[in-house]
PDB file of N, CA and C in Angstrom:
ATOM      1  N   MET A   1      14.678   8.607 -14.115  1.00  0.00           N
ATOM      2  CA  MET A   1      14.070   7.619 -13.250  1.00  0.00           C
ATOM      3  C   MET A   1      13.866   6.380 -14.134  1.00  0.00           C
ATOM      4  N   GLY A   2      14.330   5.208 -13.521  1.00  0.00           N
ATOM      5  CA  GLY A   2      14.265   4.000 -14.343  1.00  0.00           C
ATOM      6  C   GLY A   2      12.917   3.298 -14.209  1.00  0.00           C
ATOM      7  N   TRP A   3      12.798   2.224 -14.855  1.00  0.00           N
ATOM      8  CA  TRP A   3      11.560   1.467 -14.962  1.00  0.00           C
ATOM      9  C   TRP A   3      11.204   0.869 -13.546  1.00  0.00           C
ATOM     10  N   GLU A   4      12.224   0.472 -12.783  1.00  0.00           N
ATOM     11  CA  GLU A   4      11.942  -0.112 -11.426  1.00  0.00           C
ATOM     12  C   GLU A   4      11.301   0.972 -10.537  1.00  0.00           C
ATOM     13  N   GLU A   5      11.801   2.173 -10.502  1.00  0.00           N
ATOM     14  CA  GLU A   5      11.182   3.233  -9.713  1.00  0.00           C
ATOM     15  C   GLU A   5       9.746   3.494 -10.188  1.00  0.00           C
ATOM     16  N   GLU A   6       9.562   3.483 -11.486  1.00  0.00           N
ATOM     17  CA  GLU A   6       8.191   3.695 -11.984  1.00  0.00           C
ATOM     18  C   GLU A   6       7.264   2.637 -11.515  1.00  0.00           C
ATOM     19  N   LYS A   7       7.667   1.378 -11.576  1.00  0.00           N
ATOM     20  CA  LYS A   7       6.849   0.249 -11.086  1.00  0.00           C
ATOM     21  C   LYS A   7       6.582   0.371  -9.603  1.00  0.00           C
ATOM     22  N   LEU A   8       7.563   0.793  -8.830  1.00  0.00           N
ATOM     23  CA  LEU A   8       7.302   1.002  -7.364  1.00  0.00           C
ATOM     24  C   LEU A   8       6.303   2.089  -7.119  1.00  0.00           C
ATOM     25  N   ILE A   9       6.380   3.180  -7.834  1.00  0.00           N
ATOM     26  CA  ILE A   9       5.448   4.251  -7.693  1.00  0.00           C
ATOM     27  C   ILE A   9       4.029   3.803  -7.999  1.00  0.00           C
ATOM     28  N   ILE A  10       3.955   3.089  -9.139  1.00  0.00           N
ATOM     29  CA  ILE A  10       2.567   2.509  -9.535  1.00  0.00           C
ATOM     30  C   ILE A  10       2.011   1.653  -8.434  1.00  0.00           C
ATOM     31  N   ALA A  11       2.882   0.750  -7.902  1.00  0.00           N
ATOM     32  CA  ALA A  11       2.495  -0.171  -6.857  1.00  0.00           C
ATOM     33  C   ALA A  11       2.044   0.543  -5.579  1.00  0.00           C
ATOM     34  N   ILE A  12       2.740   1.655  -5.255  1.00  0.00           N
ATOM     35  CA  ILE A  12       2.338   2.474  -4.121  1.00  0.00           C
ATOM     36  C   ILE A  12       0.952   3.056  -4.376  1.00  0.00           C
ATOM     37  N   VAL A  13       0.788   3.789  -5.475  1.00  0.00           N
ATOM     38  CA  VAL A  13      -0.456   4.424  -5.742  1.00  0.00           C
ATOM     39  C   VAL A  13      -1.582   3.413  -5.743  1.00  0.00           C
ATOM     40  N   LEU A  14      -1.502   2.240  -6.446  1.00  0.00           N
ATOM     41  CA  LEU A  14      -2.616   1.299  -6.487  1.00  0.00           C
ATOM     42  C   LEU A  14      -2.868   0.752  -5.144  1.00  0.00           C
ATOM     43  N   ASN A  15      -1.854   0.541  -4.340  1.00  0.00           N
ATOM     44  CA  ASN A  15      -2.060  -0.078  -3.021  1.00  0.00           C
ATOM     45  C   ASN A  15      -2.742   0.917  -2.119  1.00  0.00           C
ATOM     46  N   LEU A  16      -2.342   2.251  -2.183  1.00  0.00           N
ATOM     47  CA  LEU A  16      -2.930   3.282  -1.391  1.00  0.00           C
ATOM     48  C   LEU A  16      -4.412   3.406  -1.767  1.00  0.00           C
ATOM     49  N   LEU A  17      -4.729   3.383  -3.081  1.00  0.00           N
ATOM     50  CA  LEU A  17      -6.121   3.476  -3.496  1.00  0.00           C
ATOM     51  C   LEU A  17      -6.918   2.297  -2.925  1.00  0.00           C
ATOM     52  N   MET A  18      -6.335   1.099  -2.917  1.00  0.00           N
ATOM     53  CA  MET A  18      -7.058  -0.047  -2.416  1.00  0.00           C
ATOM     54  C   MET A  18      -7.283   0.114  -0.911  1.00  0.00           C
ATOM     55  N   VAL A  19      -6.329   0.678  -0.229  1.00  0.00           N
ATOM     56  CA  VAL A  19      -6.503   0.895   1.260  1.00  0.00           C
ATOM     57  C   VAL A  19      -7.593   1.830   1.482  1.00  0.00           C
ATOM     58  N   ILE A  20      -7.699   2.934   0.744  1.00  0.00           N
ATOM     59  CA  ILE A  20      -8.691   3.947   0.881  1.00  0.00           C
ATOM     60  C   ILE A  20     -10.072   3.354   0.546  1.00  0.00           C
ATOM     61  N   GLU A  21     -10.175   2.573  -0.565  1.00  0.00           N
ATOM     62  CA  GLU A  21     -11.402   1.931  -0.903  1.00  0.00           C
ATOM     63  C   GLU A  21     -11.905   0.998   0.158  1.00  0.00           C
ATOM     64  N   TYR A  22     -11.052   0.122   0.674  1.00  0.00           N
ATOM     65  CA  TYR A  22     -11.531  -0.835   1.678  1.00  0.00           C
ATOM     66  C   TYR A  22     -11.811  -0.181   2.986  1.00  0.00           C
ATOM     67  N   VAL A  23     -11.072   0.778   3.437  1.00  0.00           N
ATOM     68  CA  VAL A  23     -11.373   1.508   4.625  1.00  0.00           C
ATOM     69  C   VAL A  23     -12.740   2.197   4.498  1.00  0.00           C
ATOM     70  N   GLY A  24     -12.928   2.849   3.399  1.00  0.00           N
ATOM     71  CA  GLY A  24     -14.197   3.506   3.166  1.00  0.00           C
ATOM     72  C   GLY A  24     -15.393   2.624   3.114  1.00  0.00           C
ATOM     73  N   ASN A  25     -15.304   1.516   2.382  1.00  0.00           N
ATOM     74  CA  ASN A  25     -16.354   0.564   2.350  1.00  0.00           C
ATOM     75  C   ASN A  25     -16.618  -0.101   3.694  1.00  0.00           C
ATOM     76  N   GLY A  26     -15.566  -0.381   4.443  1.00  0.00           N
ATOM     77  CA  GLY A  26     -15.676  -1.005   5.731  1.00  0.00           C
ATOM     78  C   GLY A  26     -16.398  -0.064   6.753  1.00  0.00           C
ATOM     79  N   ILE A  27     -16.054   1.182   6.626  1.00  0.00           N
ATOM     80  CA  ILE A  27     -16.704   2.186   7.562  1.00  0.00           C
ATOM     81  C   ILE A  27     -18.195   2.332   7.168  1.00  0.00           C
ATOM     82  N   VAL A  28     -18.505   2.480   5.859  1.00  0.00           N
ATOM     83  CA  VAL A  28     -19.845   2.637   5.357  1.00  0.00           C
ATOM     84  C   VAL A  28     -20.701   1.515   5.697  1.00  0.00           C
ATOM     85  N   THR A  29     -20.224   0.258   5.498  1.00  0.00           N
ATOM     86  CA  THR A  29     -21.014  -0.972   5.647  1.00  0.00           C
ATOM     87  C   THR A  29     -20.873  -1.606   6.995  1.00  0.00           C
ATOM     88  N   TYR A  30     -19.981  -1.145   7.831  1.00  0.00           N
ATOM     89  CA  TYR A  30     -19.612  -1.728   9.122  1.00  0.00           C
ATOM     90  C   TYR A  30     -19.292  -3.139   8.989  1.00  0.00           C
ATOM     91  N   SER A  31     -18.569  -3.505   7.899  1.00  0.00           N
ATOM     92  CA  SER A  31     -18.196  -4.850   7.601  1.00  0.00           C
ATOM     93  C   SER A  31     -16.828  -5.258   8.195  1.00  0.00           C
ATOM     94  N   PRO A  32     -16.784  -6.154   9.080  1.00  0.00           N
ATOM     95  CA  PRO A  32     -15.440  -6.541   9.685  1.00  0.00           C
ATOM     96  C   PRO A  32     -14.512  -7.131   8.676  1.00  0.00           C
ATOM     97  N   SER A  33     -15.074  -7.906   7.688  1.00  0.00           N
ATOM     98  CA  SER A  33     -14.222  -8.561   6.721  1.00  0.00           C
ATOM     99  C   SER A  33     -13.515  -7.503   5.775  1.00  0.00           C
ATOM    100  N   LEU A  34     -14.265  -6.418   5.412  1.00  0.00           N
ATOM    101  CA  LEU A  34     -13.659  -5.384   4.650  1.00  0.00           C
ATOM    102  C   LEU A  34     -12.603  -4.671   5.442  1.00  0.00           C
ATOM    103  N   MET A  35     -12.806  -4.480   6.724  1.00  0.00           N
ATOM    104  CA  MET A  35     -11.793  -3.818   7.570  1.00  0.00           C
ATOM    105  C   MET A  35     -10.571  -4.666   7.640  1.00  0.00           C
ATOM    106  N   CYS A  36     -10.736  -5.976   7.685  1.00  0.00           N
ATOM    107  CA  CYS A  36      -9.614  -6.909   7.755  1.00  0.00           C
ATOM    108  C   CYS A  36      -8.841  -6.767   6.380  1.00  0.00           C
ATOM    109  N   ASP A  37      -9.569  -6.674   5.261  1.00  0.00           N
ATOM    110  CA  ASP A  37      -8.843  -6.429   3.980  1.00  0.00           C
ATOM    111  C   ASP A  37      -8.131  -5.119   4.012  1.00  0.00           C
ATOM    112  N   ALA A  38      -8.674  -4.079   4.551  1.00  0.00           N
ATOM    113  CA  ALA A  38      -8.052  -2.801   4.640  1.00  0.00           C
ATOM    114  C   ALA A  38      -6.752  -2.962   5.440  1.00  0.00           C
ATOM    115  N   LEU A  39      -6.820  -3.666   6.519  1.00  0.00           N
ATOM    116  CA  LEU A  39      -5.619  -3.847   7.332  1.00  0.00           C
ATOM    117  C   LEU A  39      -4.524  -4.571   6.526  1.00  0.00           C
ATOM    118  N   ARG A  40      -4.938  -5.584   5.803  1.00  0.00           N
ATOM    119  CA  ARG A  40      -4.003  -6.347   5.028  1.00  0.00           C
ATOM    120  C   ARG A  40      -3.354  -5.456   3.955  1.00  0.00           C
ATOM    121  N   TYR A  41      -4.160  -4.691   3.274  1.00  0.00           N
ATOM    122  CA  TYR A  41      -3.564  -3.767   2.241  1.00  0.00           C
ATOM    123  C   TYR A  41      -2.709  -2.732   2.918  1.00  0.00           C
ATOM    124  N   THR A  42      -3.116  -2.241   4.046  1.00  0.00           N
ATOM    125  CA  THR A  42      -2.247  -1.252   4.801  1.00  0.00           C
ATOM    126  C   THR A  42      -0.956  -1.896   5.081  1.00  0.00           C
ATOM    127  N   ALA A  43      -0.907  -3.073   5.554  1.00  0.00           N
ATOM    128  CA  ALA A  43       0.332  -3.779   5.865  1.00  0.00           C
ATOM    129  C   ALA A  43       1.200  -3.911   4.579  1.00  0.00           C
ATOM    130  N   ASP A  44       0.562  -4.297   3.483  1.00  0.00           N
ATOM    131  CA  ASP A  44       1.280  -4.351   2.241  1.00  0.00           C
ATOM    132  C   ASP A  44       1.891  -3.008   1.841  1.00  0.00           C
ATOM    133  N   PHE A  45       1.110  -1.932   2.050  1.00  0.00           N
ATOM    134  CA  PHE A  45       1.562  -0.606   1.657  1.00  0.00           C
ATOM    135  C   PHE A  45       2.801  -0.248   2.524  1.00  0.00           C
ATOM    136  N   ILE A  46       2.716  -0.505   3.866  1.00  0.00           N
ATOM    137  CA  ILE A  46       3.811  -0.280   4.705  1.00  0.00           C
ATOM    138  C   ILE A  46       5.065  -1.083   4.273  1.00  0.00           C
ATOM    139  N   SER A  47       4.890  -2.299   3.965  1.00  0.00           N
ATOM    140  CA  SER A  47       6.013  -3.130   3.617  1.00  0.00           C
ATOM    141  C   SER A  47       6.662  -2.622   2.295  1.00  0.00           C
ATOM    142  N   ILE A  48       5.801  -2.137   1.394  1.00  0.00           N
ATOM    143  CA  ILE A  48       6.420  -1.537   0.176  1.00  0.00           C
ATOM    144  C   ILE A  48       7.249  -0.319   0.497  1.00  0.00           C
ATOM    145  N   ILE A  49       6.713   0.578   1.375  1.00  0.00           N
ATOM    146  CA  ILE A  49       7.496   1.732   1.778  1.00  0.00           C
ATOM    147  C   ILE A  49       8.819   1.328   2.494  1.00  0.00           C
ATOM    148  N   VAL A  50       8.743   0.352   3.310  1.00  0.00           N
ATOM    149  CA  VAL A  50       9.903  -0.105   4.026  1.00  0.00           C
ATOM    150  C   VAL A  50      10.928  -0.679   3.064  1.00  0.00           C
ATOM    151  N   ALA A  51      10.491  -1.422   2.113  1.00  0.00           N
ATOM    152  CA  ALA A  51      11.399  -1.985   1.071  1.00  0.00           C
ATOM    153  C   ALA A  51      12.032  -0.916   0.225  1.00  0.00           C
ATOM    154  N   ILE A  52      11.298   0.136  -0.082  1.00  0.00           N
ATOM    155  CA  ILE A  52      11.866   1.232  -0.875  1.00  0.00           C
ATOM    156  C   ILE A  52      12.940   1.970  -0.027  1.00  0.00           C
ATOM    157  N   THR A  53      12.567   2.201   1.204  1.00  0.00           N
ATOM    158  CA  THR A  53      13.534   2.889   2.092  1.00  0.00           C
ATOM    159  C   THR A  53      14.825   2.069   2.264  1.00  0.00           C
ATOM    160  N   ALA A  54      14.691   0.831   2.470  1.00  0.00           N
ATOM    161  CA  ALA A  54      15.850  -0.044   2.570  1.00  0.00           C
ATOM    162  C   ALA A  54      16.712  -0.037   1.317  1.00  0.00           C
ATOM    163  N   MET A  55      16.046  -0.045   0.122  1.00  0.00           N
ATOM    164  CA  MET A  55      16.737   0.016  -1.113  1.00  0.00           C
ATOM    165  C   MET A  55      17.515   1.331  -1.307  1.00  0.00           C
ATOM    166  N   GLU A  56      16.854   2.436  -0.876  1.00  0.00           N
ATOM    167  CA  GLU A  56      17.523   3.696  -1.020  1.00  0.00           C
ATOM    168  C   GLU A  56      18.726   3.789  -0.075  1.00  0.00           C
ATOM    169  N   VAL A  57      18.545   3.304   1.157  1.00  0.00           N
ATOM    170  CA  VAL A  57      19.677   3.297   2.113  1.00  0.00           C
ATOM    171  C   VAL A  57      20.807   2.498   1.599  1.00  0.00           C
ATOM    172  N   HIS A  58      20.473   1.338   0.966  1.00  0.00           N
ATOM    173  CA  HIS A  58      21.548   0.420   0.477  1.00  0.00           C
ATOM    174  C   HIS A  58      22.319   1.070  -0.653  1.00  0.00           C
ATOM    175  N   MET A  59      21.641   1.957  -1.412  1.00  0.00           N
ATOM    176  CA  MET A  59      22.293   2.579  -2.543  1.00  0.00           C
ATOM    177  C   MET A  59      23.213   3.693  -2.106  1.00  0.00           C
ATOM    178  N   LEU A  60      23.140   4.148  -0.873  1.00  0.00           N
ATOM    179  CA  LEU A  60      23.936   5.256  -0.429  1.00  0.00           C
ATOM    180  C   LEU A  60      25.374   4.894  -0.255  1.00  0.00           C
TER     181      LEU A  60
END
């Protein structure tokens, strides 16, 4: 596994942790702004997954 794949895995893990953190804080504090942040990080997470999938399909 090359350095690019390792960077992508690190990005996925960090982004997923941020999603979990912001969703948890938003639920606990009922804060709309934290939930908006959670949605933004969730969108980032999904875009990373889509980019990886597109890259894998392109390599086939």
